[in-house]
Amino acid sequence: MDGFTTQGSRGVWGDHEVFSEAYNKATESLRQQEYPHMSKGCYLDHGGATIYAKSTVEQFSHQMLNNLYGNPHSMNTPAEDSGHMVDRIREKTLRFLGADPEHYDLIFTANATAAIKLVADGFRDLSEKTNTKKFWYGYHKDCHTSLVGVREFTGGMHHCFENDESVEEWLAGHYYANRPDSSSMLGLFAYPGQSNMTGRRLPVSWVEGIRKAPRLQHNTYTLFDAAALAMTSDLSSVFADPSVAPDFTCMSFYKMFGFPDLGGLVVRRDSGHILTLRKYFGGGTVTMVSVIGGSWHHSKGIQQGTNDHFNLHDGLEDGTLPFHSILALGEAIDVQKRLYGSMKMVSRHTSHLVRRLRDGFGAIRHGNGRPVVEVYGNTPDAYGDARRQGGTIAFNLVKPDGTYIPYSRVEELANNEGFYIRSGGVCCPGGLFTALGYEPWELLRAMSAGHGCGYQSVDVIGPKPTGIVRASLGGMTTVREVDSFVHFIAESFVQTKPATLTIPRRPVDSRPSVAAGVPEVAPRNAPMYSPMAVPTAPPTPPTPPAPKLVAVERWSGNAVIPEPNQTFGSILTASQSTKNLTPTPSVSSQSYFDRSYDMGKTDLAPPPSIRERIDLPSPSGSESEGRKRNKMFKAFNFKKHQAGVAA
């Protein structure tokens, strides 16, 4: 489709109708036209990499087949064409980010981690020229693992800020932060714009605080990790004023566009010279190198201030650039602007959906009233506020007795049902173990018990989990996918009856399109149930005739997630007692995932019943159909838990 549209939607909140334009309803048609490859499942791991549009691949292929591009480090025509193309896309990317090329430069890297390593190398090499042979490094506890790793270059002069308040105190001059002489010692402060784990957004204003603090403004530089933030946020406010913008900003473009696999470092020109003093030099970054009769070289980066032929990036992009990937980046930016208009549209869209997801999680409870989903990070009111929260949510699932369901088990079951999420430590060690309430000795115990990142994990040690489950949303995520995932959690992990899933009273910002003839809102006479009520038995469904929902389900005000043959007044009751695992009549064994897409447009088999889903033996003792089907599903080999509580 050409262009984008956002349609207001009508919902019911008490006795009042409300309208909103937060949900980009055009996403429904975009999914069919631009993302047909997403029909195989419900993808909720955009924090790892978002999904590329079909047009991006088609336009990139067209460019590759109709042009001849050579290695830009040459003077022949194909090489010059590549060089000019790279220059155009470098400028296009900066302008897309809201960074004026007059004040910023962009260095292409393999990913955000490579960009961080480039900055770290520069500070390590420069610190060797100081009296202490060290530099100070401060980092926030929510930093990605790649930012934490910079501390190994400091010679022990590093400090982790354990909360936002300690950063504020440090900026105000009330906090030491393991830095003996902050006015003269070379320093680097790093933090993420958004937590890679919880999606909580951190203040950009800290950069301005450093610039204005007399003891910090001259020798303390800032490294801003925008990899998670840029995925669903407009960055123009970050770069609008160069005087208070970060010195170095890293990002991964595959998290923004899905393709290409490329990263970048946006450098403020007034600060970039500090990187040109690094020791290492690669092909293409120097104008002269002595090998015989001496060891010296002349960097293009150092010359960039005196030679108009060279720019900052010329001295920092080692070797041949991934010029084909850069070509693809230009196409991805064009497609993104055509489909979504701007990143502000993506931000509003994902903010609405993550609020909907958080509300849905909060409504799922066991029969004894205990919440099923334990969410980490921001308070509930932050979800939906793009200033405070991104399109990511971190959580664990809890049993009625308060013990945790192993997170890898949750991911395995979700994968078998076609929901693609992530679990584990998600490369955020400080944020993870702070959220889980770990003390230093407990970390050592976890390590000695054999716990480690990846598939070597021990999911639960003692009373505490060692990781989390993460769902992250993108610009092409639909409201139906969010609703489907909430329904999956409710249907699969509520283990005690009776348990009722209701939807909190709040405005509904939008609804998916429905088949012709289906009412846009529930009938006025449809029964509505209070979200505070927890009935002891399922209510009797309204007698027919009643309008049916065809192919999609919706939330409405204080209504609930209905089955295909139910009206909005119906209440979902999940009966999953260990004594009686037979679904109640109000829970259908039909796949909610299959119902969440247009009729029949998925090749996933219907899911197992609740008994089969939690992998219990059938009453006859024979292997259940669910087990057989799971064995035949995609290979998803999880190591058996060495400790912890079985699901």
Foldseek 3Di string as FASTA:
>chain_A
DFFFDFDWAWFDFPPDIDIFRLARQCLQVQCVQFPLVLQAFAEFALLVFNAATPQLVVVLVVPVVPAAADQLPDDDDNNVVLVVLLVVLQCVVCVQLQAHPVFKGKAKDLFLLRLLVLVLLLQLQVLCPDPVSFAAEEEELLDFLSNVVSCVSGVNRYAYDQDPVQLVCVLVVNHDRSDDQLQPGAEEYEYEQARSAAQWGDDLCSLVSQCPRNSRNPRYAYEYECASVLLQHRNSVQNVDLSRHHQKYKYFCSSNRVDDSIIMIMGGPVNLLSSLPRDDFAPQQFDDADDPPDGDTHGLLNCQVPDVVGDNNRNRHHDGDPSSRSSSSSSSSVVCCRHQVGSVSSFSNLLLLLLQLLQLQQQFAAAVRHRQKDWFDDDSVCRSPSSTGGNKTKIWGAAPVGATAQAVLVQLLCVLLRYHWDKWASRSVSRFCVRQVDDPVVVVVLVVLQADTDLSHQQDDDRTGRMIIMGGDTSSRDSLSSQLVSVCCNQQRRAAPFIWGKGAADARRHDHDADPPADSYFDPPQAADHSVDGDRDWDDFDDDPGGFGALGFDAHGGFHTADRRGTRRGIDTHHRYPVDRDGDPRDDQFRSRCSSGHHPSYPRDGAGHNCLSLPHADPVRDGDPSVVSSVVPPDDDHDDNPDGDHD
